[in-house]
Amino acid sequence: MIRRLYDWTMGLARTRHADKALAAVSFAESSIFPIPPDALLIPMVLAQRHRWVRLALICTVASVLGAFLGYAIGALFMDLIGDPILQFYGKADSFEKIQGLYNEWGGWGVLFAAVTPFPYKVLTIFSGATGLNFVVFTIVSIIGRAARFFLVAWLLGRYGEPLQRFIERWLNWLFLAFMILLVGGFVSIKYLV
């Protein structure tokens, strides 16, 4: 099953709709969607390594724009949308506890979430809900997301063939590790936020 999903994603990476799909996933992941854009970015760069800069740029721009939606959810729709999302991630009760600290140190939190498997969307919503300075939010989002996506894309663009062989050989184990990191990011919310 994982092999079929991988082959499907590699096929999607070569279609004319690939860039739009990457942008949509990158945008949604920053505010509401649980799957990181790396799931599309990696096979897309492997399929067309000469496009690594463009693909990383699409990921970065769409992700930062999606982060603005997350910020808006927190700032404008906390009661209607933000609270249910925070409840889903088990963080509704901690909101008031960390609000003061977050405004002082939130930029570092956003930067951390932007470059790690930690669920970035949680901090984009927190940022809007607590009123984190929007300029700080924007700057650290751009730096963090660009660092993450450009590093991944550059490595794949530069070392694509050996990495692709490695990924294809160890696909099941890598998928398991990816899922552990993804779930670990969500679980870490309970202890870090």
N, C-alpha and C. Protein backbone atom coordinates (compact mmCIF):
# COMPACT_ATOMS: atom_id res chain seq x y z
N MET A 1 0.82 -1.19 0.00
CA MET A 1 0.00 0.00 0.00
C MET A 1 0.87 1.27 0.00
N ILE A 2 1.90 1.27 0.82
CA ILE A 2 2.79 2.44 0.90
C ILE A 2 3.49 2.63 -0.44
N ARG A 3 3.89 1.53 -1.07
CA ARG A 3 4.54 1.62 -2.37
C ARG A 3 3.59 2.22 -3.41
N ARG A 4 2.32 1.83 -3.40
CA ARG A 4 1.36 2.40 -4.35
C ARG A 4 1.17 3.89 -4.10
N LEU A 5 1.10 4.28 -2.82
CA LEU A 5 0.96 5.70 -2.49
C LEU A 5 2.18 6.48 -2.95
N TYR A 6 3.36 5.91 -2.74
CA TYR A 6 4.60 6.55 -3.19
C TYR A 6 4.60 6.70 -4.71
N ASP A 7 4.25 5.63 -5.42
CA ASP A 7 4.22 5.68 -6.89
C ASP A 7 3.19 6.69 -7.37
N TRP A 8 2.03 6.75 -6.72
CA TRP A 8 0.99 7.73 -7.09
C TRP A 8 1.51 9.15 -6.90
N THR A 9 2.17 9.39 -5.75
CA THR A 9 2.70 10.72 -5.47
C THR A 9 3.79 11.10 -6.47
N MET A 10 4.65 10.15 -6.81
CA MET A 10 5.68 10.42 -7.82
C MET A 10 5.04 10.73 -9.16
N GLY A 11 3.95 10.03 -9.49
CA GLY A 11 3.22 10.33 -10.73
C GLY A 11 2.60 11.71 -10.70
N LEU A 12 1.99 12.07 -9.56
CA LEU A 12 1.40 13.41 -9.40
C LEU A 12 2.47 14.48 -9.55
N ALA A 13 3.66 14.19 -9.08
CA ALA A 13 4.75 15.16 -9.13
C ALA A 13 5.11 15.55 -10.56
N ARG A 14 4.75 14.73 -11.51
CA ARG A 14 5.09 15.01 -12.91
C ARG A 14 3.92 15.61 -13.71
N THR A 15 2.79 15.82 -13.07
CA THR A 15 1.62 16.35 -13.80
C THR A 15 1.62 17.88 -13.77
N ARG A 16 0.77 18.46 -14.59
CA ARG A 16 0.67 19.92 -14.64
C ARG A 16 -0.03 20.49 -13.40
N HIS A 17 -0.65 19.63 -12.61
CA HIS A 17 -1.35 20.09 -11.40
C HIS A 17 -0.49 19.99 -10.14
N ALA A 18 0.71 19.51 -10.29
CA ALA A 18 1.56 19.25 -9.13
C ALA A 18 1.85 20.51 -8.31
N ASP A 19 2.19 21.60 -8.98
CA ASP A 19 2.51 22.84 -8.26
C ASP A 19 1.30 23.34 -7.47
N LYS A 20 0.12 23.24 -8.07
CA LYS A 20 -1.10 23.69 -7.39
C LYS A 20 -1.39 22.82 -6.17
N ALA A 21 -1.21 21.51 -6.32
CA ALA A 21 -1.43 20.60 -5.19
C ALA A 21 -0.44 20.91 -4.06
N LEU A 22 0.82 21.14 -4.41
CA LEU A 22 1.84 21.47 -3.41
C LEU A 22 1.48 22.77 -2.69
N ALA A 23 1.06 23.77 -3.44
CA ALA A 23 0.67 25.04 -2.83
C ALA A 23 -0.53 24.86 -1.92
N ALA A 24 -1.52 24.09 -2.35
CA ALA A 24 -2.73 23.89 -1.54
C ALA A 24 -2.41 23.17 -0.23
N VAL A 25 -1.60 22.13 -0.31
CA VAL A 25 -1.24 21.38 0.90
C VAL A 25 -0.40 22.26 1.83
N SER A 26 0.54 23.01 1.27
CA SER A 26 1.39 23.89 2.08
C SER A 26 0.56 24.96 2.78
N PHE A 27 -0.40 25.53 2.06
CA PHE A 27 -1.27 26.56 2.64
C PHE A 27 -2.11 25.97 3.77
N ALA A 28 -2.77 24.86 3.50
CA ALA A 28 -3.68 24.27 4.49
C ALA A 28 -2.95 23.75 5.72
N GLU A 29 -1.74 23.23 5.54
CA GLU A 29 -1.00 22.67 6.67
C GLU A 29 -0.65 23.72 7.71
N SER A 30 -0.53 24.96 7.31
CA SER A 30 -0.16 26.01 8.26
C SER A 30 -1.31 26.49 9.12
N SER A 31 -2.51 26.04 8.83
CA SER A 31 -3.65 26.52 9.61
C SER A 31 -4.60 25.42 10.06
N ILE A 32 -4.85 24.40 9.23
CA ILE A 32 -5.86 23.41 9.62
C ILE A 32 -5.52 21.96 9.29
N PHE A 33 -4.67 21.71 8.30
CA PHE A 33 -4.45 20.37 7.77
C PHE A 33 -3.31 19.67 8.50
N PRO A 34 -3.47 18.39 8.89
CA PRO A 34 -2.43 17.74 9.71
C PRO A 34 -1.23 17.18 8.96
N ILE A 35 -1.30 17.02 7.64
CA ILE A 35 -0.20 16.39 6.90
C ILE A 35 0.75 17.47 6.38
N PRO A 36 2.06 17.37 6.69
CA PRO A 36 3.02 18.37 6.24
C PRO A 36 3.25 18.30 4.73
N PRO A 37 3.59 19.44 4.11
CA PRO A 37 3.80 19.48 2.67
C PRO A 37 5.00 18.67 2.20
N ASP A 38 5.86 18.27 3.12
CA ASP A 38 7.02 17.45 2.75
C ASP A 38 6.57 16.17 2.05
N ALA A 39 5.36 15.69 2.37
CA ALA A 39 4.85 14.48 1.74
C ALA A 39 4.73 14.65 0.23
N LEU A 40 4.52 15.88 -0.24
CA LEU A 40 4.50 16.16 -1.68
C LEU A 40 5.83 16.74 -2.16
N LEU A 41 6.43 17.60 -1.35
CA LEU A 41 7.67 18.26 -1.76
C LEU A 41 8.77 17.25 -2.09
N ILE A 42 8.94 16.26 -1.26
CA ILE A 42 10.03 15.30 -1.45
C ILE A 42 9.91 14.55 -2.78
N PRO A 43 8.76 13.91 -3.06
CA PRO A 43 8.69 13.23 -4.35
C PRO A 43 8.71 14.18 -5.55
N MET A 44 8.21 15.40 -5.37
CA MET A 44 8.22 16.35 -6.48
C MET A 44 9.65 16.77 -6.83
N VAL A 45 10.46 17.01 -5.83
CA VAL A 45 11.86 17.36 -6.10
C VAL A 45 12.60 16.16 -6.68
N LEU A 46 12.33 14.97 -6.14
CA LEU A 46 12.99 13.78 -6.69
C LEU A 46 12.60 13.55 -8.15
N ALA A 47 11.35 13.87 -8.50
CA ALA A 47 10.89 13.67 -9.88
C ALA A 47 11.48 14.71 -10.84
N GLN A 48 11.73 15.93 -10.33
CA GLN A 48 12.24 17.02 -11.17
C GLN A 48 13.25 17.84 -10.37
N ARG A 49 14.43 17.28 -10.19
CA ARG A 49 15.42 17.89 -9.30
C ARG A 49 15.85 19.27 -9.74
N HIS A 50 15.81 19.58 -11.02
CA HIS A 50 16.21 20.90 -11.50
C HIS A 50 15.24 21.99 -11.04
N ARG A 51 14.07 21.63 -10.53
CA ARG A 51 13.06 22.61 -10.09
C ARG A 51 13.06 22.80 -8.57
N TRP A 52 14.11 22.39 -7.87
CA TRP A 52 14.08 22.41 -6.41
C TRP A 52 13.86 23.81 -5.85
N VAL A 53 14.42 24.84 -6.46
CA VAL A 53 14.25 26.21 -5.94
C VAL A 53 12.79 26.64 -6.09
N ARG A 54 12.22 26.41 -7.26
CA ARG A 54 10.83 26.79 -7.49
C ARG A 54 9.88 26.06 -6.52
N LEU A 55 10.11 24.76 -6.33
CA LEU A 55 9.23 23.98 -5.46
C LEU A 55 9.37 24.43 -4.00
N ALA A 56 10.58 24.71 -3.55
CA ALA A 56 10.77 25.21 -2.19
C ALA A 56 10.12 26.57 -2.02
N LEU A 57 10.20 27.40 -3.05
CA LEU A 57 9.57 28.73 -3.01
C LEU A 57 8.05 28.61 -2.94
N ILE A 58 7.47 27.72 -3.73
CA ILE A 58 6.02 27.50 -3.68
C ILE A 58 5.61 27.07 -2.28
N CYS A 59 6.34 26.12 -1.72
CA CYS A 59 6.06 25.64 -0.37
C CYS A 59 6.14 26.77 0.65
N THR A 60 7.18 27.55 0.57
CA THR A 60 7.40 28.63 1.54
C THR A 60 6.31 29.69 1.45
N VAL A 61 6.06 30.20 0.26
CA VAL A 61 5.07 31.26 0.09
C VAL A 61 3.68 30.78 0.50
N ALA A 62 3.28 29.61 0.02
CA ALA A 62 1.95 29.10 0.35
C ALA A 62 1.82 28.82 1.85
N SER A 63 2.87 28.32 2.45
CA SER A 63 2.85 28.02 3.88
C SER A 63 2.73 29.29 4.72
N VAL A 64 3.46 30.34 4.34
CA VAL A 64 3.37 31.61 5.09
C VAL A 64 1.98 32.23 4.90
N LEU A 65 1.44 32.15 3.69
CA LEU A 65 0.07 32.65 3.48
C LEU A 65 -0.93 31.85 4.30
N GLY A 66 -0.74 30.55 4.39
CA GLY A 66 -1.58 29.71 5.24
C GLY A 66 -1.43 30.06 6.71
N ALA A 67 -0.21 30.44 7.10
CA ALA A 67 0.03 30.86 8.49
C ALA A 67 -0.78 32.12 8.80
N PHE A 68 -0.93 32.99 7.81
CA PHE A 68 -1.76 34.18 8.01
C PHE A 68 -3.21 33.78 8.29
N LEU A 69 -3.69 32.74 7.61
CA LEU A 69 -5.04 32.24 7.90
C LEU A 69 -5.10 31.71 9.33
N GLY A 70 -4.10 30.95 9.75
CA GLY A 70 -4.06 30.47 11.13
C GLY A 70 -4.07 31.62 12.12
N TYR A 71 -3.29 32.65 11.84
CA TYR A 71 -3.25 33.84 12.70
C TYR A 71 -4.64 34.49 12.75
N ALA A 72 -5.28 34.60 11.58
CA ALA A 72 -6.62 35.21 11.52
C ALA A 72 -7.65 34.37 12.28
N ILE A 73 -7.54 33.05 12.19
CA ILE A 73 -8.44 32.19 12.96
C ILE A 73 -8.32 32.50 14.44
N GLY A 74 -7.09 32.61 14.91
CA GLY A 74 -6.87 32.92 16.32
C GLY A 74 -7.32 34.32 16.69
N ALA A 75 -7.05 35.29 15.83
CA ALA A 75 -7.36 36.69 16.14
C ALA A 75 -8.85 37.01 15.99
N LEU A 76 -9.49 36.48 14.97
CA LEU A 76 -10.86 36.89 14.65
C LEU A 76 -11.92 35.86 14.99
N PHE A 77 -11.54 34.59 14.98
CA PHE A 77 -12.54 33.54 15.14
C PHE A 77 -12.19 32.54 16.23
N MET A 78 -11.52 33.02 17.27
CA MET A 78 -11.07 32.11 18.31
C MET A 78 -12.24 31.31 18.90
N ASP A 79 -13.33 31.97 19.22
CA ASP A 79 -14.45 31.27 19.84
C ASP A 79 -15.09 30.27 18.87
N LEU A 80 -15.25 30.67 17.64
CA LEU A 80 -15.96 29.85 16.67
C LEU A 80 -15.11 28.72 16.08
N ILE A 81 -13.88 29.04 15.71
CA ILE A 81 -13.03 28.07 15.02
C ILE A 81 -11.81 27.68 15.84
N GLY A 82 -11.15 28.67 16.43
CA GLY A 82 -9.88 28.42 17.13
C GLY A 82 -10.03 27.50 18.33
N ASP A 83 -11.03 27.74 19.17
CA ASP A 83 -11.22 26.89 20.35
C ASP A 83 -11.45 25.42 19.99
N PRO A 84 -12.33 25.12 19.02
CA PRO A 84 -12.48 23.70 18.65
C PRO A 84 -11.19 23.06 18.12
N ILE A 85 -10.40 23.83 17.37
CA ILE A 85 -9.13 23.27 16.87
C ILE A 85 -8.18 23.02 18.04
N LEU A 86 -8.10 23.97 18.96
CA LEU A 86 -7.23 23.78 20.13
C LEU A 86 -7.74 22.63 21.00
N GLN A 87 -9.06 22.48 21.11
CA GLN A 87 -9.61 21.35 21.86
C GLN A 87 -9.25 20.03 21.19
N PHE A 88 -9.30 20.01 19.86
CA PHE A 88 -8.93 18.81 19.11
C PHE A 88 -7.50 18.40 19.44
N TYR A 89 -6.61 19.37 19.56
CA TYR A 89 -5.21 19.08 19.88
C TYR A 89 -4.95 19.04 21.38
N GLY A 90 -6.00 19.15 22.20
CA GLY A 90 -5.88 19.04 23.64
C GLY A 90 -5.23 20.22 24.32
N LYS A 91 -5.36 21.43 23.75
CA LYS A 91 -4.67 22.59 24.30
C LYS A 91 -5.61 23.72 24.72
N ALA A 92 -6.89 23.51 24.73
CA ALA A 92 -7.82 24.58 25.08
C ALA A 92 -7.60 25.09 26.50
N ASP A 93 -7.32 24.20 27.45
CA ASP A 93 -7.14 24.61 28.84
C ASP A 93 -5.83 25.33 29.10
N SER A 94 -4.83 25.11 28.27
CA SER A 94 -3.54 25.77 28.50
C SER A 94 -3.45 27.16 27.92
N PHE A 95 -4.43 27.55 27.14
CA PHE A 95 -4.35 28.82 26.43
C PHE A 95 -4.13 30.00 27.38
N GLU A 96 -4.96 30.12 28.37
CA GLU A 96 -4.83 31.27 29.29
C GLU A 96 -3.52 31.21 30.06
N LYS A 97 -3.09 30.03 30.40
CA LYS A 97 -1.86 29.86 31.18
C LYS A 97 -0.64 30.38 30.42
N ILE A 98 -0.61 30.18 29.14
CA ILE A 98 0.59 30.56 28.40
C ILE A 98 0.48 31.89 27.65
N GLN A 99 -0.68 32.51 27.67
CA GLN A 99 -0.89 33.72 26.88
C GLN A 99 0.16 34.80 27.17
N GLY A 100 0.42 35.08 28.44
CA GLY A 100 1.40 36.11 28.79
C GLY A 100 2.80 35.75 28.34
N LEU A 101 3.21 34.52 28.62
CA LEU A 101 4.54 34.08 28.22
C LEU A 101 4.68 34.06 26.70
N TYR A 102 3.62 33.71 26.04
CA TYR A 102 3.68 33.58 24.59
C TYR A 102 3.95 34.91 23.91
N ASN A 103 3.34 35.97 24.40
CA ASN A 103 3.58 37.27 23.78
C ASN A 103 5.02 37.72 23.95
N GLU A 104 5.66 37.25 25.01
CA GLU A 104 7.06 37.62 25.22
C GLU A 104 8.01 36.74 24.41
N TRP A 105 7.73 35.45 24.32
CA TRP A 105 8.63 34.49 23.69
C TRP A 105 8.05 33.81 22.46
N GLY A 106 6.87 34.21 22.02
CA GLY A 106 6.16 33.53 20.93
C GLY A 106 6.90 33.47 19.62
N GLY A 107 7.68 34.50 19.31
CA GLY A 107 8.44 34.47 18.06
C GLY A 107 9.35 33.26 17.98
N TRP A 108 9.99 32.91 19.09
CA TRP A 108 10.86 31.74 19.13
C TRP A 108 10.04 30.46 18.95
N GLY A 109 8.84 30.44 19.55
CA GLY A 109 7.97 29.27 19.39
C GLY A 109 7.54 29.08 17.95
N VAL A 110 7.18 30.18 17.29
CA VAL A 110 6.79 30.09 15.88
C VAL A 110 7.97 29.62 15.04
N LEU A 111 9.14 30.15 15.29
CA LEU A 111 10.33 29.73 14.55
C LEU A 111 10.61 28.24 14.75
N PHE A 112 10.51 27.80 16.00
CA PHE A 112 10.71 26.38 16.31
C PHE A 112 9.72 25.51 15.54
N ALA A 113 8.45 25.87 15.59
CA ALA A 113 7.42 25.07 14.91
C ALA A 113 7.57 25.13 13.39
N ALA A 114 8.09 26.23 12.88
CA ALA A 114 8.22 26.40 11.43
C ALA A 114 9.28 25.48 10.83
N VAL A 115 10.27 25.07 11.62
CA VAL A 115 11.36 24.26 11.07
C VAL A 115 11.35 22.81 11.56
N THR A 116 10.45 22.46 12.45
CA THR A 116 10.44 21.11 13.03
C THR A 116 9.12 20.41 12.69
N PRO A 117 9.00 19.12 13.07
CA PRO A 117 7.73 18.42 12.86
C PRO A 117 6.63 18.86 13.83
N PHE A 118 6.95 19.75 14.76
CA PHE A 118 5.94 20.25 15.69
C PHE A 118 4.80 20.88 14.88
N PRO A 119 3.54 20.63 15.26
CA PRO A 119 2.40 21.16 14.47
C PRO A 119 2.38 22.69 14.43
N TYR A 120 2.85 23.22 13.34
CA TYR A 120 2.97 24.66 13.12
C TYR A 120 1.63 25.37 13.27
N LYS A 121 0.55 24.73 12.81
CA LYS A 121 -0.77 25.35 12.84
C LYS A 121 -1.20 25.73 14.25
N VAL A 122 -0.81 24.97 15.24
CA VAL A 122 -1.19 25.29 16.62
C VAL A 122 -0.60 26.64 17.01
N LEU A 123 0.64 26.88 16.67
CA LEU A 123 1.26 28.15 17.04
C LEU A 123 0.81 29.31 16.16
N THR A 124 0.39 29.04 14.93
CA THR A 124 -0.16 30.14 14.14
C THR A 124 -1.47 30.62 14.75
N ILE A 125 -2.28 29.69 15.23
CA ILE A 125 -3.55 30.06 15.88
C ILE A 125 -3.27 30.74 17.22
N PHE A 126 -2.36 30.18 18.01
CA PHE A 126 -1.98 30.82 19.27
C PHE A 126 -1.50 32.25 19.04
N SER A 127 -0.72 32.44 18.00
CA SER A 127 -0.16 33.76 17.72
C SER A 127 -1.25 34.78 17.49
N GLY A 128 -2.24 34.43 16.71
CA GLY A 128 -3.35 35.35 16.47
C GLY A 128 -4.20 35.56 17.71
N ALA A 129 -4.46 34.49 18.44
CA ALA A 129 -5.31 34.59 19.62
C ALA A 129 -4.67 35.42 20.73
N THR A 130 -3.35 35.35 20.85
CA THR A 130 -2.67 36.10 21.90
C THR A 130 -2.24 37.49 21.45
N GLY A 131 -2.38 37.75 20.15
CA GLY A 131 -2.00 39.06 19.64
C GLY A 131 -0.50 39.24 19.48
N LEU A 132 0.21 38.13 19.19
CA LEU A 132 1.65 38.25 18.93
C LEU A 132 1.86 39.28 17.83
N ASN A 133 2.84 40.10 17.97
CA ASN A 133 3.15 41.13 16.97
C ASN A 133 3.19 40.50 15.58
N PHE A 134 2.37 41.04 14.67
CA PHE A 134 2.21 40.44 13.35
C PHE A 134 3.49 40.52 12.52
N VAL A 135 4.26 41.59 12.68
CA VAL A 135 5.52 41.71 11.95
C VAL A 135 6.49 40.63 12.41
N VAL A 136 6.60 40.44 13.72
CA VAL A 136 7.47 39.38 14.26
C VAL A 136 7.01 38.03 13.75
N PHE A 137 5.70 37.80 13.83
CA PHE A 137 5.12 36.55 13.35
C PHE A 137 5.49 36.29 11.88
N THR A 138 5.33 37.31 11.06
CA THR A 138 5.61 37.19 9.63
C THR A 138 7.09 36.90 9.38
N ILE A 139 7.97 37.63 10.02
CA ILE A 139 9.41 37.46 9.80
C ILE A 139 9.87 36.07 10.21
N VAL A 140 9.47 35.61 11.41
CA VAL A 140 9.94 34.29 11.85
C VAL A 140 9.28 33.18 11.04
N SER A 141 8.07 33.41 10.55
CA SER A 141 7.43 32.41 9.69
C SER A 141 8.18 32.28 8.38
N ILE A 142 8.54 33.40 7.78
CA ILE A 142 9.28 33.36 6.51
C ILE A 142 10.64 32.70 6.71
N ILE A 143 11.36 33.09 7.75
CA ILE A 143 12.68 32.51 8.00
C ILE A 143 12.58 31.01 8.27
N GLY A 144 11.68 30.63 9.15
CA GLY A 144 11.55 29.23 9.53
C GLY A 144 11.09 28.34 8.41
N ARG A 145 10.04 28.75 7.71
CA ARG A 145 9.51 27.94 6.62
C ARG A 145 10.52 27.87 5.47
N ALA A 146 11.15 28.99 5.13
CA ALA A 146 12.14 28.96 4.05
C ALA A 146 13.31 28.06 4.43
N ALA A 147 13.79 28.16 5.65
CA ALA A 147 14.91 27.31 6.08
C ALA A 147 14.55 25.84 5.94
N ARG A 148 13.37 25.49 6.39
CA ARG A 148 12.95 24.09 6.33
C ARG A 148 12.81 23.60 4.89
N PHE A 149 12.02 24.29 4.09
CA PHE A 149 11.71 23.80 2.75
C PHE A 149 12.90 23.92 1.79
N PHE A 150 13.67 24.99 1.91
CA PHE A 150 14.83 25.13 1.02
C PHE A 150 15.92 24.12 1.36
N LEU A 151 16.10 23.81 2.64
CA LEU A 151 17.09 22.80 3.02
C LEU A 151 16.70 21.44 2.47
N VAL A 152 15.45 21.04 2.68
CA VAL A 152 14.98 19.75 2.18
C VAL A 152 15.11 19.69 0.66
N ALA A 153 14.63 20.72 -0.02
CA ALA A 153 14.66 20.73 -1.49
C ALA A 153 16.09 20.75 -2.02
N TRP A 154 16.97 21.53 -1.39
CA TRP A 154 18.37 21.59 -1.83
C TRP A 154 19.05 20.22 -1.68
N LEU A 155 18.86 19.60 -0.53
CA LEU A 155 19.47 18.28 -0.32
C LEU A 155 18.99 17.28 -1.37
N LEU A 156 17.69 17.30 -1.64
CA LEU A 156 17.14 16.37 -2.63
C LEU A 156 17.59 16.74 -4.04
N GLY A 157 17.67 18.03 -4.32
CA GLY A 157 18.15 18.46 -5.63
C GLY A 157 19.61 18.11 -5.85
N ARG A 158 20.40 18.26 -4.82
CA ARG A 158 21.85 18.01 -4.92
C ARG A 158 22.19 16.53 -4.89
N TYR A 159 21.54 15.78 -4.00
CA TYR A 159 21.87 14.37 -3.80
C TYR A 159 20.68 13.47 -4.14
N GLY A 160 19.91 13.86 -5.12
CA GLY A 160 18.65 13.20 -5.45
C GLY A 160 18.73 11.73 -5.77
N GLU A 161 19.63 11.33 -6.66
CA GLU A 161 19.66 9.92 -7.06
C GLU A 161 19.99 8.99 -5.90
N PRO A 162 21.05 9.25 -5.13
CA PRO A 162 21.31 8.36 -3.99
C PRO A 162 20.20 8.41 -2.95
N LEU A 163 19.64 9.60 -2.72
CA LEU A 163 18.55 9.70 -1.75
C LEU A 163 17.31 8.98 -2.25
N GLN A 164 17.02 9.08 -3.54
CA GLN A 164 15.86 8.38 -4.08
C GLN A 164 16.04 6.87 -3.96
N ARG A 165 17.21 6.37 -4.27
CA ARG A 165 17.46 4.93 -4.11
C ARG A 165 17.30 4.52 -2.65
N PHE A 166 17.83 5.36 -1.74
CA PHE A 166 17.70 5.09 -0.31
C PHE A 166 16.23 5.07 0.11
N ILE A 167 15.47 6.09 -0.33
CA ILE A 167 14.06 6.17 0.03
C ILE A 167 13.30 4.95 -0.51
N GLU A 168 13.54 4.60 -1.76
CA GLU A 168 12.83 3.48 -2.35
C GLU A 168 13.21 2.15 -1.69
N ARG A 169 14.45 2.03 -1.28
CA ARG A 169 14.87 0.80 -0.61
C ARG A 169 14.28 0.68 0.79
N TRP A 170 14.23 1.79 1.51
CA TRP A 170 13.79 1.78 2.91
C TRP A 170 12.43 2.45 3.09
N LEU A 171 11.60 2.45 2.07
CA LEU A 171 10.34 3.19 2.08
C LEU A 171 9.47 2.88 3.29
N ASN A 172 9.27 1.63 3.60
CA ASN A 172 8.40 1.26 4.72
C ASN A 172 8.93 1.79 6.05
N TRP A 173 10.24 1.66 6.25
CA TRP A 173 10.83 2.13 7.51
C TRP A 173 10.82 3.66 7.58
N LEU A 174 11.06 4.29 6.47
CA LEU A 174 11.02 5.76 6.45
C LEU A 174 9.61 6.28 6.69
N PHE A 175 8.62 5.60 6.12
CA PHE A 175 7.24 5.97 6.37
C PHE A 175 6.91 5.83 7.85
N LEU A 176 7.37 4.74 8.46
CA LEU A 176 7.15 4.54 9.89
C LEU A 176 7.82 5.65 10.70
N ALA A 177 9.04 6.00 10.36
CA ALA A 177 9.74 7.08 11.06
C ALA A 177 9.02 8.40 10.88
N PHE A 178 8.54 8.66 9.66
CA PHE A 178 7.79 9.89 9.38
C PHE A 178 6.53 9.95 10.25
N MET A 179 5.82 8.84 10.34
CA MET A 179 4.59 8.80 11.14
C MET A 179 4.90 9.00 12.62
N ILE A 180 6.00 8.42 13.08
CA ILE A 180 6.40 8.60 14.48
C ILE A 180 6.71 10.07 14.75
N LEU A 181 7.43 10.73 13.83
CA LEU A 181 7.72 12.15 13.99
C LEU A 181 6.44 12.99 13.96
N LEU A 182 5.54 12.66 13.04
CA LEU A 182 4.29 13.40 12.93
C LEU A 182 3.46 13.25 14.20
N VAL A 183 3.26 12.03 14.64
CA VAL A 183 2.49 11.79 15.87
C VAL A 183 3.24 12.37 17.07
N GLY A 184 4.56 12.23 17.07
CA GLY A 184 5.36 12.80 18.16
C GLY A 184 5.22 14.30 18.25
N GLY A 185 5.10 14.96 17.11
CA GLY A 185 4.87 16.41 17.10
C GLY A 185 3.57 16.77 17.78
N PHE A 186 2.52 16.01 17.47
CA PHE A 186 1.22 16.28 18.09
C PHE A 186 1.25 15.94 19.58
N VAL A 187 1.89 14.84 19.94
CA VAL A 187 1.98 14.46 21.34
C VAL A 187 2.81 15.47 22.13
N SER A 188 3.84 16.02 21.50
CA SER A 188 4.70 16.99 22.20
C SER A 188 3.92 18.25 22.59
N ILE A 189 2.84 18.52 21.89
CA ILE A 189 2.02 19.67 22.25
C ILE A 189 1.57 19.58 23.69
N LYS A 190 1.24 18.38 24.13
CA LYS A 190 0.77 18.19 25.50
C LYS A 190 1.83 18.61 26.53
N TYR A 191 3.08 18.45 26.17
CA TYR A 191 4.15 18.68 27.14
C TYR A 191 4.92 19.97 26.94
N LEU A 192 4.89 20.52 25.72
CA LEU A 192 5.67 21.73 25.46
C LEU A 192 4.84 23.00 25.47
N VAL A 193 3.58 22.90 25.15
CA VAL A 193 2.75 24.10 25.07
C VAL A 193 1.86 24.17 26.28
